[in-house]
Amino acid sequence: MIPVPANTHVWLAVGVTDMRRGFTTLAAQAEQTLKQDPFAGHMFVFRGRRGDLIKIIWWDGQGACLFSKRLEKGRFVWPSPADGKVSVTPAQMAMLLEGIDWRLPQRSWKPLKAG
């Protein structure tokens, strides 16, 4: 699991990304397409055409990190290209990495009603 600090912004680059790209070209895509500074400490997540592979770039303050994950079964849940870019919480990012639909998580218990 990638240790995501609580104050880290996580950006999903909607649409399809060429998974042959490395840190330099993905950082350029974050800068040009997402209009974000790739060296600001944010995480940028990119998904390939088949949907079973993602790449994450992150500047951790000491250097550039490039992570990738491929699911053996299923696909990563991804927003539609019409959304442009999407910000998710570190908790949603954790669900995404597990192949869970992070858009509509449901509690396994019902909160008590106040009153």
PDB file of N, CA and C in Angstrom:
ATOM      1  N   MET A   1       0.839  -1.181   0.000  1.00  0.00           N
ATOM      2  CA  MET A   1       0.000   0.000   0.000  1.00  0.00           C
ATOM      3  C   MET A   1       0.885   1.245   0.000  1.00  0.00           C
ATOM      4  N   ILE A   2       0.480   2.229  -0.753  1.00  0.00           N
ATOM      5  CA  ILE A   2       1.217   3.479  -0.830  1.00  0.00           C
ATOM      6  C   ILE A   2       0.848   4.337   0.376  1.00  0.00           C
ATOM      7  N   PRO A   3       1.826   4.801   1.139  1.00  0.00           N
ATOM      8  CA  PRO A   3       1.515   5.627   2.308  1.00  0.00           C
ATOM      9  C   PRO A   3       1.146   7.048   1.877  1.00  0.00           C
ATOM     10  N   VAL A   4      -0.134   7.356   1.860  1.00  0.00           N
ATOM     11  CA  VAL A   4      -0.604   8.668   1.418  1.00  0.00           C
ATOM     12  C   VAL A   4      -0.807   9.556   2.639  1.00  0.00           C
ATOM     13  N   PRO A   5       0.002  10.615   2.782  1.00  0.00           N
ATOM     14  CA  PRO A   5      -0.214  11.542   3.896  1.00  0.00           C
ATOM     15  C   PRO A   5      -1.610  12.154   3.836  1.00  0.00           C
ATOM     16  N   ALA A   6      -2.197  12.443   4.979  1.00  0.00           N
ATOM     17  CA  ALA A   6      -3.572  12.922   5.067  1.00  0.00           C
ATOM     18  C   ALA A   6      -3.811  14.217   4.297  1.00  0.00           C
ATOM     19  N   ASN A   7      -2.827  15.083   4.195  1.00  0.00           N
ATOM     20  CA  ASN A   7      -3.020  16.372   3.533  1.00  0.00           C
ATOM     21  C   ASN A   7      -2.712  16.333   2.033  1.00  0.00           C
ATOM     22  N   THR A   8      -2.483  15.158   1.478  1.00  0.00           N
ATOM     23  CA  THR A   8      -2.149  15.016   0.063  1.00  0.00           C
ATOM     24  C   THR A   8      -3.410  15.077  -0.792  1.00  0.00           C
ATOM     25  N   HIS A   9      -3.377  15.884  -1.847  1.00  0.00           N
ATOM     26  CA  HIS A   9      -4.467  15.912  -2.816  1.00  0.00           C
ATOM     27  C   HIS A   9      -4.210  14.822  -3.842  1.00  0.00           C
ATOM     28  N   VAL A  10      -5.245  14.071  -4.177  1.00  0.00           N
ATOM     29  CA  VAL A  10      -5.139  13.004  -5.157  1.00  0.00           C
ATOM     30  C   VAL A  10      -6.002  13.387  -6.353  1.00  0.00           C
ATOM     31  N   TRP A  11      -5.387  13.446  -7.517  1.00  0.00           N
ATOM     32  CA  TRP A  11      -6.078  13.827  -8.750  1.00  0.00           C
ATOM     33  C   TRP A  11      -6.122  12.645  -9.698  1.00  0.00           C
ATOM     34  N   LEU A  12      -7.312  12.350 -10.229  1.00  0.00           N
ATOM     35  CA  LEU A  12      -7.467  11.332 -11.257  1.00  0.00           C
ATOM     36  C   LEU A  12      -7.504  12.033 -12.604  1.00  0.00           C
ATOM     37  N   ALA A  13      -6.650  11.610 -13.509  1.00  0.00           N
ATOM     38  CA  ALA A  13      -6.655  12.138 -14.870  1.00  0.00           C
ATOM     39  C   ALA A  13      -7.665  11.321 -15.655  1.00  0.00           C
ATOM     40  N   VAL A  14      -8.842  11.879 -15.875  1.00  0.00           N
ATOM     41  CA  VAL A  14      -9.897  11.112 -16.542  1.00  0.00           C
ATOM     42  C   VAL A  14      -9.515  10.849 -17.989  1.00  0.00           C
ATOM     43  N   GLY A  15     -10.182   9.895 -18.581  1.00  0.00           N
ATOM     44  CA  GLY A  15      -9.846   9.503 -19.931  1.00  0.00           C
ATOM     45  C   GLY A  15      -8.782   8.424 -19.916  1.00  0.00           C
ATOM     46  N   VAL A  16      -8.186   8.188 -21.066  1.00  0.00           N
ATOM     47  CA  VAL A  16      -7.217   7.118 -21.245  1.00  0.00           C
ATOM     48  C   VAL A  16      -5.820   7.706 -21.396  1.00  0.00           C
ATOM     49  N   THR A  17      -4.844   7.067 -20.759  1.00  0.00           N
ATOM     50  CA  THR A  17      -3.446   7.490 -20.832  1.00  0.00           C
ATOM     51  C   THR A  17      -2.611   6.355 -21.413  1.00  0.00           C
ATOM     52  N   ASP A  18      -1.636   6.707 -22.216  1.00  0.00           N
ATOM     53  CA  ASP A  18      -0.696   5.734 -22.764  1.00  0.00           C
ATOM     54  C   ASP A  18       0.182   5.218 -21.615  1.00  0.00           C
ATOM     55  N   MET A  19       0.057   3.944 -21.299  1.00  0.00           N
ATOM     56  CA  MET A  19       0.766   3.379 -20.154  1.00  0.00           C
ATOM     57  C   MET A  19       2.248   3.124 -20.424  1.00  0.00           C
ATOM     58  N   ARG A  20       2.732   3.458 -21.591  1.00  0.00           N
ATOM     59  CA  ARG A  20       4.175   3.365 -21.860  1.00  0.00           C
ATOM     60  C   ARG A  20       4.916   4.585 -21.306  1.00  0.00           C
ATOM     61  N   ARG A  21       4.167   5.585 -20.880  1.00  0.00           N
ATOM     62  CA  ARG A  21       4.776   6.817 -20.381  1.00  0.00           C
ATOM     63  C   ARG A  21       5.426   6.611 -19.019  1.00  0.00           C
ATOM     64  N   GLY A  22       6.499   7.367 -18.790  1.00  0.00           N
ATOM     65  CA  GLY A  22       7.198   7.344 -17.513  1.00  0.00           C
ATOM     66  C   GLY A  22       6.907   8.613 -16.725  1.00  0.00           C
ATOM     67  N   PHE A  23       7.684   8.839 -15.676  1.00  0.00           N
ATOM     68  CA  PHE A  23       7.429   9.985 -14.800  1.00  0.00           C
ATOM     69  C   PHE A  23       7.458  11.301 -15.553  1.00  0.00           C
ATOM     70  N   THR A  24       8.454  11.511 -16.405  1.00  0.00           N
ATOM     71  CA  THR A  24       8.620  12.801 -17.078  1.00  0.00           C
ATOM     72  C   THR A  24       7.418  13.154 -17.935  1.00  0.00           C
ATOM     73  N   THR A  25       6.951  12.231 -18.766  1.00  0.00           N
ATOM     74  CA  THR A  25       5.824  12.548 -19.645  1.00  0.00           C
ATOM     75  C   THR A  25       4.498  12.582 -18.884  1.00  0.00           C
ATOM     76  N   LEU A  26       4.358  11.779 -17.826  1.00  0.00           N
ATOM     77  CA  LEU A  26       3.151  11.861 -17.005  1.00  0.00           C
ATOM     78  C   LEU A  26       3.126  13.177 -16.224  1.00  0.00           C
ATOM     79  N   ALA A  27       4.285  13.628 -15.762  1.00  0.00           N
ATOM     80  CA  ALA A  27       4.358  14.927 -15.068  1.00  0.00           C
ATOM     81  C   ALA A  27       3.988  16.055 -16.029  1.00  0.00           C
ATOM     82  N   ALA A  28       4.442  15.955 -17.269  1.00  0.00           N
ATOM     83  CA  ALA A  28       4.081  16.962 -18.269  1.00  0.00           C
ATOM     84  C   ALA A  28       2.580  16.948 -18.524  1.00  0.00           C
ATOM     85  N   GLN A  29       1.975  15.756 -18.539  1.00  0.00           N
ATOM     86  CA  GLN A  29       0.528  15.656 -18.726  1.00  0.00           C
ATOM     87  C   GLN A  29      -0.208  16.273 -17.541  1.00  0.00           C
ATOM     88  N   ALA A  30       0.279  16.053 -16.333  1.00  0.00           N
ATOM     89  CA  ALA A  30      -0.339  16.665 -15.148  1.00  0.00           C
ATOM     90  C   ALA A  30      -0.279  18.183 -15.236  1.00  0.00           C
ATOM     91  N   GLU A  31       0.827  18.690 -15.727  1.00  0.00           N
ATOM     92  CA  GLU A  31       1.020  20.134 -15.828  1.00  0.00           C
ATOM     93  C   GLU A  31       0.166  20.742 -16.942  1.00  0.00           C
ATOM     94  N   GLN A  32       0.150  20.115 -18.107  1.00  0.00           N
ATOM     95  CA  GLN A  32      -0.537  20.692 -19.263  1.00  0.00           C
ATOM     96  C   GLN A  32      -2.036  20.410 -19.260  1.00  0.00           C
ATOM     97  N   THR A  33      -2.411  19.168 -19.027  1.00  0.00           N
ATOM     98  CA  THR A  33      -3.817  18.781 -19.112  1.00  0.00           C
ATOM     99  C   THR A  33      -4.584  19.070 -17.829  1.00  0.00           C
ATOM    100  N   LEU A  34      -3.995  18.703 -16.691  1.00  0.00           N
ATOM    101  CA  LEU A  34      -4.682  18.877 -15.414  1.00  0.00           C
ATOM    102  C   LEU A  34      -4.464  20.254 -14.800  1.00  0.00           C
ATOM    103  N   LYS A  35      -3.513  21.012 -15.352  1.00  0.00           N
ATOM    104  CA  LYS A  35      -3.191  22.363 -14.858  1.00  0.00           C
ATOM    105  C   LYS A  35      -2.761  22.338 -13.389  1.00  0.00           C
ATOM    106  N   GLN A  36      -1.940  21.344 -13.035  1.00  0.00           N
ATOM    107  CA  GLN A  36      -1.432  21.189 -11.672  1.00  0.00           C
ATOM    108  C   GLN A  36       0.084  21.069 -11.710  1.00  0.00           C
ATOM    109  N   ASP A  37       0.745  21.494 -10.642  1.00  0.00           N
ATOM    110  CA  ASP A  37       2.196  21.382 -10.522  1.00  0.00           C
ATOM    111  C   ASP A  37       2.544  19.971 -10.064  1.00  0.00           C
ATOM    112  N   PRO A  38       3.227  19.175 -10.894  1.00  0.00           N
ATOM    113  CA  PRO A  38       3.544  17.794 -10.514  1.00  0.00           C
ATOM    114  C   PRO A  38       4.556  17.689  -9.373  1.00  0.00           C
ATOM    115  N   PHE A  39       5.190  18.802  -9.012  1.00  0.00           N
ATOM    116  CA  PHE A  39       6.183  18.797  -7.933  1.00  0.00           C
ATOM    117  C   PHE A  39       5.664  19.463  -6.658  1.00  0.00           C
ATOM    118  N   ALA A  40       4.328  19.571  -6.537  1.00  0.00           N
ATOM    119  CA  ALA A  40       3.718  20.226  -5.377  1.00  0.00           C
ATOM    120  C   ALA A  40       3.362  19.249  -4.264  1.00  0.00           C
ATOM    121  N   GLY A  41       3.618  17.956  -4.472  1.00  0.00           N
ATOM    122  CA  GLY A  41       3.302  16.961  -3.447  1.00  0.00           C
ATOM    123  C   GLY A  41       1.954  16.290  -3.644  1.00  0.00           C
ATOM    124  N   HIS A  42       1.251  16.621  -4.716  1.00  0.00           N
ATOM    125  CA  HIS A  42      -0.014  15.956  -5.027  1.00  0.00           C
ATOM    126  C   HIS A  42       0.276  14.613  -5.688  1.00  0.00           C
ATOM    127  N   MET A  43      -0.715  13.721  -5.650  1.00  0.00           N
ATOM    128  CA  MET A  43      -0.630  12.453  -6.380  1.00  0.00           C
ATOM    129  C   MET A  43      -1.478  12.576  -7.631  1.00  0.00           C
ATOM    130  N   PHE A  44      -0.955  12.048  -8.720  1.00  0.00           N
ATOM    131  CA  PHE A  44      -1.678  12.062  -9.983  1.00  0.00           C
ATOM    132  C   PHE A  44      -1.815  10.622 -10.454  1.00  0.00           C
ATOM    133  N   VAL A  45      -3.051  10.217 -10.733  1.00  0.00           N
ATOM    134  CA  VAL A  45      -3.346   8.833 -11.077  1.00  0.00           C
ATOM    135  C   VAL A  45      -3.839   8.780 -12.519  1.00  0.00           C
ATOM    136  N   PHE A  46      -3.276   7.868 -13.297  1.00  0.00           N
ATOM    137  CA  PHE A  46      -3.594   7.712 -14.712  1.00  0.00           C
ATOM    138  C   PHE A  46      -4.005   6.268 -14.964  1.00  0.00           C
ATOM    139  N   ARG A  47      -4.981   6.066 -15.855  1.00  0.00           N
ATOM    140  CA  ARG A  47      -5.463   4.712 -16.163  1.00  0.00           C
ATOM    141  C   ARG A  47      -5.277   4.411 -17.634  1.00  0.00           C
ATOM    142  N   GLY A  48      -4.928   3.182 -17.921  1.00  0.00           N
ATOM    143  CA  GLY A  48      -4.747   2.732 -19.296  1.00  0.00           C
ATOM    144  C   GLY A  48      -6.057   2.402 -19.989  1.00  0.00           C
ATOM    145  N   ARG A  49      -5.981   2.101 -21.256  1.00  0.00           N
ATOM    146  CA  ARG A  49      -7.164   1.852 -22.090  1.00  0.00           C
ATOM    147  C   ARG A  49      -7.994   0.665 -21.601  1.00  0.00           C
ATOM    148  N   ARG A  50      -7.345  -0.441 -21.237  1.00  0.00           N
ATOM    149  CA  ARG A  50      -8.083  -1.633 -20.808  1.00  0.00           C
ATOM    150  C   ARG A  50      -8.697  -1.467 -19.425  1.00  0.00           C
ATOM    151  N   GLY A  51      -8.195  -0.534 -18.627  1.00  0.00           N
ATOM    152  CA  GLY A  51      -8.778  -0.273 -17.321  1.00  0.00           C
ATOM    153  C   GLY A  51      -8.242  -1.118 -16.191  1.00  0.00           C
ATOM    154  N   ASP A  52      -7.316  -2.037 -16.497  1.00  0.00           N
ATOM    155  CA  ASP A  52      -6.787  -2.898 -15.436  1.00  0.00           C
ATOM    156  C   ASP A  52      -5.429  -2.427 -14.916  1.00  0.00           C
ATOM    157  N   LEU A  53      -4.908  -1.316 -15.457  1.00  0.00           N
ATOM    158  CA  LEU A  53      -3.599  -0.805 -15.065  1.00  0.00           C
ATOM    159  C   LEU A  53      -3.693   0.685 -14.761  1.00  0.00           C
ATOM    160  N   ILE A  54      -3.115   1.081 -13.626  1.00  0.00           N
ATOM    161  CA  ILE A  54      -2.998   2.496 -13.311  1.00  0.00           C
ATOM    162  C   ILE A  54      -1.537   2.805 -13.007  1.00  0.00           C
ATOM    163  N   LYS A  55      -1.169   4.055 -13.225  1.00  0.00           N
ATOM    164  CA  LYS A  55       0.140   4.568 -12.831  1.00  0.00           C
ATOM    165  C   LYS A  55      -0.101   5.809 -11.985  1.00  0.00           C
ATOM    166  N   ILE A  56       0.729   5.957 -10.974  1.00  0.00           N
ATOM    167  CA  ILE A  56       0.623   7.081 -10.048  1.00  0.00           C
ATOM    168  C   ILE A  56       1.975   7.771  -9.998  1.00  0.00           C
ATOM    169  N   ILE A  57       1.959   9.088 -10.154  1.00  0.00           N
ATOM    170  CA  ILE A  57       3.188   9.849  -9.945  1.00  0.00           C
ATOM    171  C   ILE A  57       2.986  10.719  -8.713  1.00  0.00           C
ATOM    172  N   TRP A  58       4.094  10.893  -7.982  1.00  0.00           N
ATOM    173  CA  TRP A  58       4.024  11.647  -6.727  1.00  0.00           C
ATOM    174  C   TRP A  58       5.405  12.172  -6.405  1.00  0.00           C
ATOM    175  N   TRP A  59       5.477  13.435  -6.115  1.00  0.00           N
ATOM    176  CA  TRP A  59       6.712  14.050  -5.636  1.00  0.00           C
ATOM    177  C   TRP A  59       6.606  14.051  -4.117  1.00  0.00           C
ATOM    178  N   ASP A  60       7.412  13.255  -3.432  1.00  0.00           N
ATOM    179  CA  ASP A  60       7.283  13.107  -1.977  1.00  0.00           C
ATOM    180  C   ASP A  60       8.122  14.103  -1.187  1.00  0.00           C
ATOM    181  N   GLY A  61       8.706  15.074  -1.867  1.00  0.00           N
ATOM    182  CA  GLY A  61       9.531  16.067  -1.189  1.00  0.00           C
ATOM    183  C   GLY A  61      11.013  15.775  -1.307  1.00  0.00           C
ATOM    184  N   GLN A  62      11.344  14.521  -1.551  1.00  0.00           N
ATOM    185  CA  GLN A  62      12.743  14.122  -1.714  1.00  0.00           C
ATOM    186  C   GLN A  62      13.050  13.695  -3.137  1.00  0.00           C
ATOM    187  N   GLY A  63      12.029  13.257  -3.845  1.00  0.00           N
ATOM    188  CA  GLY A  63      12.254  12.783  -5.195  1.00  0.00           C
ATOM    189  C   GLY A  63      10.962  12.367  -5.858  1.00  0.00           C
ATOM    190  N   ALA A  64      11.078  11.972  -7.107  1.00  0.00           N
ATOM    191  CA  ALA A  64       9.937  11.579  -7.910  1.00  0.00           C
ATOM    192  C   ALA A  64       9.649  10.096  -7.728  1.00  0.00           C
ATOM    193  N   CYS A  65       8.379   9.776  -7.503  1.00  0.00           N
ATOM    194  CA  CYS A  65       7.950   8.387  -7.348  1.00  0.00           C
ATOM    195  C   CYS A  65       7.009   8.028  -8.487  1.00  0.00           C
ATOM    196  N   LEU A  66       7.162   6.829  -8.991  1.00  0.00           N
ATOM    197  CA  LEU A  66       6.265   6.305 -10.017  1.00  0.00           C
ATOM    198  C   LEU A  66       5.821   4.924  -9.558  1.00  0.00           C
ATOM    199  N   PHE A  67       4.521   4.787  -9.328  1.00  0.00           N
ATOM    200  CA  PHE A  67       3.947   3.517  -8.888  1.00  0.00           C
ATOM    201  C   PHE A  67       3.041   3.001  -9.986  1.00  0.00           C
ATOM    202  N   SER A  68       2.902   1.698 -10.076  1.00  0.00           N
ATOM    203  CA  SER A  68       1.925   1.118 -10.999  1.00  0.00           C
ATOM    204  C   SER A  68       1.262  -0.075 -10.333  1.00  0.00           C
ATOM    205  N   LYS A  69       0.017  -0.328 -10.743  1.00  0.00           N
ATOM    206  CA  LYS A  69      -0.704  -1.491 -10.233  1.00  0.00           C
ATOM    207  C   LYS A  69      -1.580  -2.032 -11.341  1.00  0.00           C
ATOM    208  N   ARG A  70      -1.549  -3.354 -11.495  1.00  0.00           N
ATOM    209  CA  ARG A  70      -2.396  -4.030 -12.466  1.00  0.00           C
ATOM    210  C   ARG A  70      -3.284  -4.997 -11.691  1.00  0.00           C
ATOM    211  N   LEU A  71      -4.584  -4.944 -11.965  1.00  0.00           N
ATOM    212  CA  LEU A  71      -5.522  -5.875 -11.352  1.00  0.00           C
ATOM    213  C   LEU A  71      -5.525  -7.181 -12.129  1.00  0.00           C
ATOM    214  N   GLU A  72      -5.530  -8.296 -11.430  1.00  0.00           N
ATOM    215  CA  GLU A  72      -5.613  -9.593 -12.097  1.00  0.00           C
ATOM    216  C   GLU A  72      -7.006  -9.830 -12.643  1.00  0.00           C
ATOM    217  N   LYS A  73      -8.017  -9.354 -11.900  1.00  0.00           N
ATOM    218  CA  LYS A  73      -9.410  -9.490 -12.321  1.00  0.00           C
ATOM    219  C   LYS A  73     -10.092  -8.143 -12.144  1.00  0.00           C
ATOM    220  N   GLY A  74     -10.983  -7.826 -13.046  1.00  0.00           N
ATOM    221  CA  GLY A  74     -11.749  -6.593 -12.940  1.00  0.00           C
ATOM    222  C   GLY A  74     -11.007  -5.386 -13.494  1.00  0.00           C
ATOM    223  N   ARG A  75     -11.616  -4.241 -13.295  1.00  0.00           N
ATOM    224  CA  ARG A  75     -11.074  -2.970 -13.779  1.00  0.00           C
ATOM    225  C   ARG A  75     -11.184  -1.918 -12.686  1.00  0.00           C
ATOM    226  N   PHE A  76     -10.321  -0.926 -12.789  1.00  0.00           N
ATOM    227  CA  PHE A  76     -10.389   0.195 -11.868  1.00  0.00           C
ATOM    228  C   PHE A  76     -11.592   1.058 -12.233  1.00  0.00           C
ATOM    229  N   VAL A  77     -12.383   1.444 -11.235  1.00  0.00           N
ATOM    230  CA  VAL A  77     -13.533   2.316 -11.462  1.00  0.00           C
ATOM    231  C   VAL A  77     -13.006   3.708 -11.768  1.00  0.00           C
ATOM    232  N   TRP A  78     -13.482   4.276 -12.885  1.00  0.00           N
ATOM    233  CA  TRP A  78     -12.913   5.528 -13.373  1.00  0.00           C
ATOM    234  C   TRP A  78     -14.016   6.489 -13.754  1.00  0.00           C
ATOM    235  N   PRO A  79     -13.829   7.783 -13.499  1.00  0.00           N
ATOM    236  CA  PRO A  79     -14.847   8.768 -13.899  1.00  0.00           C
ATOM    237  C   PRO A  79     -14.894   8.927 -15.421  1.00  0.00           C
ATOM    238  N   SER A  80     -15.998   9.465 -15.906  1.00  0.00           N
ATOM    239  CA  SER A  80     -16.140   9.642 -17.359  1.00  0.00           C
ATOM    240  C   SER A  80     -15.239  10.774 -17.845  1.00  0.00           C
ATOM    241  N   PRO A  81     -14.833  10.726 -19.123  1.00  0.00           N
ATOM    242  CA  PRO A  81     -13.963  11.773 -19.671  1.00  0.00           C
ATOM    243  C   PRO A  81     -14.570  13.165 -19.609  1.00  0.00           C
ATOM    244  N   ALA A  82     -15.889  13.265 -19.498  1.00  0.00           N
ATOM    245  CA  ALA A  82     -16.537  14.574 -19.433  1.00  0.00           C
ATOM    246  C   ALA A  82     -16.205  15.301 -18.129  1.00  0.00           C
ATOM    247  N   ASP A  83     -15.741  14.575 -17.131  1.00  0.00           N
ATOM    248  CA  ASP A  83     -15.459  15.177 -15.828  1.00  0.00           C
ATOM    249  C   ASP A  83     -14.158  15.978 -15.797  1.00  0.00           C
ATOM    250  N   GLY A  84     -13.302  15.860 -16.801  1.00  0.00           N
ATOM    251  CA  GLY A  84     -12.035  16.599 -16.825  1.00  0.00           C
ATOM    252  C   GLY A  84     -11.029  16.002 -15.873  1.00  0.00           C
ATOM    253  N   LYS A  85     -10.961  16.546 -14.676  1.00  0.00           N
ATOM    254  CA  LYS A  85     -10.112  15.972 -13.637  1.00  0.00           C
ATOM    255  C   LYS A  85     -10.950  15.833 -12.384  1.00  0.00           C
ATOM    256  N   VAL A  86     -10.633  14.854 -11.587  1.00  0.00           N
ATOM    257  CA  VAL A  86     -11.416  14.565 -10.388  1.00  0.00           C
ATOM    258  C   VAL A  86     -10.471  14.459  -9.201  1.00  0.00           C
ATOM    259  N   SER A  87     -10.827  15.122  -8.118  1.00  0.00           N
ATOM    260  CA  SER A  87     -10.070  15.027  -6.872  1.00  0.00           C
ATOM    261  C   SER A  87     -10.748  13.998  -5.974  1.00  0.00           C
ATOM    262  N   VAL A  88      -9.958  13.099  -5.401  1.00  0.00           N
ATOM    263  CA  VAL A  88     -10.492  12.106  -4.475  1.00  0.00           C
ATOM    264  C   VAL A  88      -9.723  12.187  -3.158  1.00  0.00           C
ATOM    265  N   THR A  89     -10.317  11.672  -2.103  1.00  0.00           N
ATOM    266  CA  THR A  89      -9.668  11.663  -0.792  1.00  0.00           C
ATOM    267  C   THR A  89      -8.684  10.498  -0.725  1.00  0.00           C
ATOM    268  N   PRO A  90      -7.745  10.539   0.225  1.00  0.00           N
ATOM    269  CA  PRO A  90      -6.865   9.374   0.398  1.00  0.00           C
ATOM    270  C   PRO A  90      -7.645   8.081   0.675  1.00  0.00           C
ATOM    271  N   ALA A  91      -8.781   8.177   1.374  1.00  0.00           N
ATOM    272  CA  ALA A  91      -9.601   6.993   1.636  1.00  0.00           C
ATOM    273  C   ALA A  91     -10.199   6.449   0.340  1.00  0.00           C
ATOM    274  N   GLN A  92     -10.687   7.336  -0.519  1.00  0.00           N
ATOM    275  CA  GLN A  92     -11.208   6.905  -1.813  1.00  0.00           C
ATOM    276  C   GLN A  92     -10.100   6.300  -2.668  1.00  0.00           C
ATOM    277  N   MET A  93      -8.902   6.866  -2.565  1.00  0.00           N
ATOM    278  CA  MET A  93      -7.753   6.333  -3.302  1.00  0.00           C
ATOM    279  C   MET A  93      -7.448   4.908  -2.857  1.00  0.00           C
ATOM    280  N   ALA A  94      -7.530   4.662  -1.552  1.00  0.00           N
ATOM    281  CA  ALA A  94      -7.292   3.319  -1.028  1.00  0.00           C
ATOM    282  C   ALA A  94      -8.316   2.334  -1.590  1.00  0.00           C
ATOM    283  N   MET A  95      -9.588   2.756  -1.669  1.00  0.00           N
ATOM    284  CA  MET A  95     -10.621   1.893  -2.239  1.00  0.00           C
ATOM    285  C   MET A  95     -10.356   1.647  -3.718  1.00  0.00           C
ATOM    286  N   LEU A  96      -9.974   2.687  -4.437  1.00  0.00           N
ATOM    287  CA  LEU A  96      -9.657   2.556  -5.861  1.00  0.00           C
ATOM    288  C   LEU A  96      -8.564   1.512  -6.068  1.00  0.00           C
ATOM    289  N   LEU A  97      -7.510   1.582  -5.268  1.00  0.00           N
ATOM    290  CA  LEU A  97      -6.399   0.640  -5.400  1.00  0.00           C
ATOM    291  C   LEU A  97      -6.807  -0.807  -5.124  1.00  0.00           C
ATOM    292  N   GLU A  98      -7.859  -0.981  -4.327  1.00  0.00           N
ATOM    293  CA  GLU A  98      -8.356  -2.324  -4.012  1.00  0.00           C
ATOM    294  C   GLU A  98      -9.377  -2.813  -5.028  1.00  0.00           C
ATOM    295  N   GLY A  99      -9.705  -1.977  -6.031  1.00  0.00           N
ATOM    296  CA  GLY A  99     -10.691  -2.370  -7.022  1.00  0.00           C
ATOM    297  C   GLY A  99     -12.121  -2.168  -6.564  1.00  0.00           C
ATOM    298  N   ILE A 100     -12.317  -1.368  -5.514  1.00  0.00           N
ATOM    299  CA  ILE A 100     -13.641  -1.097  -4.956  1.00  0.00           C
ATOM    300  C   ILE A 100     -14.198   0.161  -5.616  1.00  0.00           C
ATOM    301  N   ASP A 101     -15.512   0.185  -5.848  1.00  0.00           N
ATOM    302  CA  ASP A 101     -16.146   1.377  -6.410  1.00  0.00           C
ATOM    303  C   ASP A 101     -16.135   2.473  -5.346  1.00  0.00           C
ATOM    304  N   TRP A 102     -15.223   3.409  -5.481  1.00  0.00           N
ATOM    305  CA  TRP A 102     -15.005   4.478  -4.500  1.00  0.00           C
ATOM    306  C   TRP A 102     -16.062   5.570  -4.592  1.00  0.00           C
ATOM    307  N   ARG A 103     -16.876   5.582  -5.661  1.00  0.00           N
ATOM    308  CA  ARG A 103     -17.846   6.658  -5.854  1.00  0.00           C
ATOM    309  C   ARG A 103     -19.042   6.539  -4.931  1.00  0.00           C
ATOM    310  N   LEU A 104     -19.454   5.316  -4.593  1.00  0.00           N
ATOM    311  CA  LEU A 104     -20.635   5.104  -3.761  1.00  0.00           C
ATOM    312  C   LEU A 104     -20.366   4.111  -2.645  1.00  0.00           C
ATOM    313  N   PRO A 105     -19.397   4.389  -1.786  1.00  0.00           N
ATOM    314  CA  PRO A 105     -19.154   3.434  -0.692  1.00  0.00           C
ATOM    315  C   PRO A 105     -20.344   3.426   0.266  1.00  0.00           C
ATOM    316  N   GLN A 106     -20.641   2.257   0.796  1.00  0.00           N
ATOM    317  CA  GLN A 106     -21.768   2.135   1.713  1.00  0.00           C
ATOM    318  C   GLN A 106     -21.284   1.624   3.057  1.00  0.00           C
ATOM    319  N   ARG A 107     -21.857   2.173   4.093  1.00  0.00           N
ATOM    320  CA  ARG A 107     -21.521   1.718   5.447  1.00  0.00           C
ATOM    321  C   ARG A 107     -22.127   0.333   5.675  1.00  0.00           C
ATOM    322  N   SER A 108     -21.465  -0.443   6.499  1.00  0.00           N
ATOM    323  CA  SER A 108     -22.000  -1.759   6.838  1.00  0.00           C
ATOM    324  C   SER A 108     -22.900  -1.679   8.074  1.00  0.00           C
ATOM    325  N   TRP A 109     -23.079  -0.482   8.602  1.00  0.00           N
ATOM    326  CA  TRP A 109     -23.935  -0.272   9.764  1.00  0.00           C
ATOM    327  C   TRP A 109     -24.701   1.018   9.557  1.00  0.00           C
ATOM    328  N   LYS A 110     -25.794   1.141  10.279  1.00  0.00           N
ATOM    329  CA  LYS A 110     -26.593   2.365  10.193  1.00  0.00           C
ATOM    330  C   LYS A 110     -26.310   3.229  11.405  1.00  0.00           C
ATOM    331  N   PRO A 111     -26.039   4.523  11.190  1.00  0.00           N
ATOM    332  CA  PRO A 111     -25.794   5.408  12.337  1.00  0.00           C
ATOM    333  C   PRO A 111     -27.068   5.564  13.164  1.00  0.00           C
ATOM    334  N   LEU A 112     -26.891   5.757  14.462  1.00  0.00           N
ATOM    335  CA  LEU A 112     -28.018   5.984  15.354  1.00  0.00           C
ATOM    336  C   LEU A 112     -28.633   7.358  15.082  1.00  0.00           C
ATOM    337  N   LYS A 113     -29.951   7.414  15.154  1.00  0.00           N
ATOM    338  CA  LYS A 113     -30.634   8.688  14.964  1.00  0.00           C
ATOM    339  C   LYS A 113     -30.549   9.500  16.249  1.00  0.00           C
ATOM    340  N   ALA A 114     -30.249  10.778  16.088  1.00  0.00           N
ATOM    341  CA  ALA A 114     -30.183  11.672  17.255  1.00  0.00           C
ATOM    342  C   ALA A 114     -31.596  12.037  17.667  1.00  0.00           C
ATOM    343  N   GLY A 115     -31.804  12.124  18.941  1.00  0.00           N
ATOM    344  CA  GLY A 115     -33.119  12.596  19.342  1.00  0.00           C
ATOM    345  C   GLY A 115     -33.668  11.898  20.455  1.00  0.00           C
TER     346      GLY A 115
END
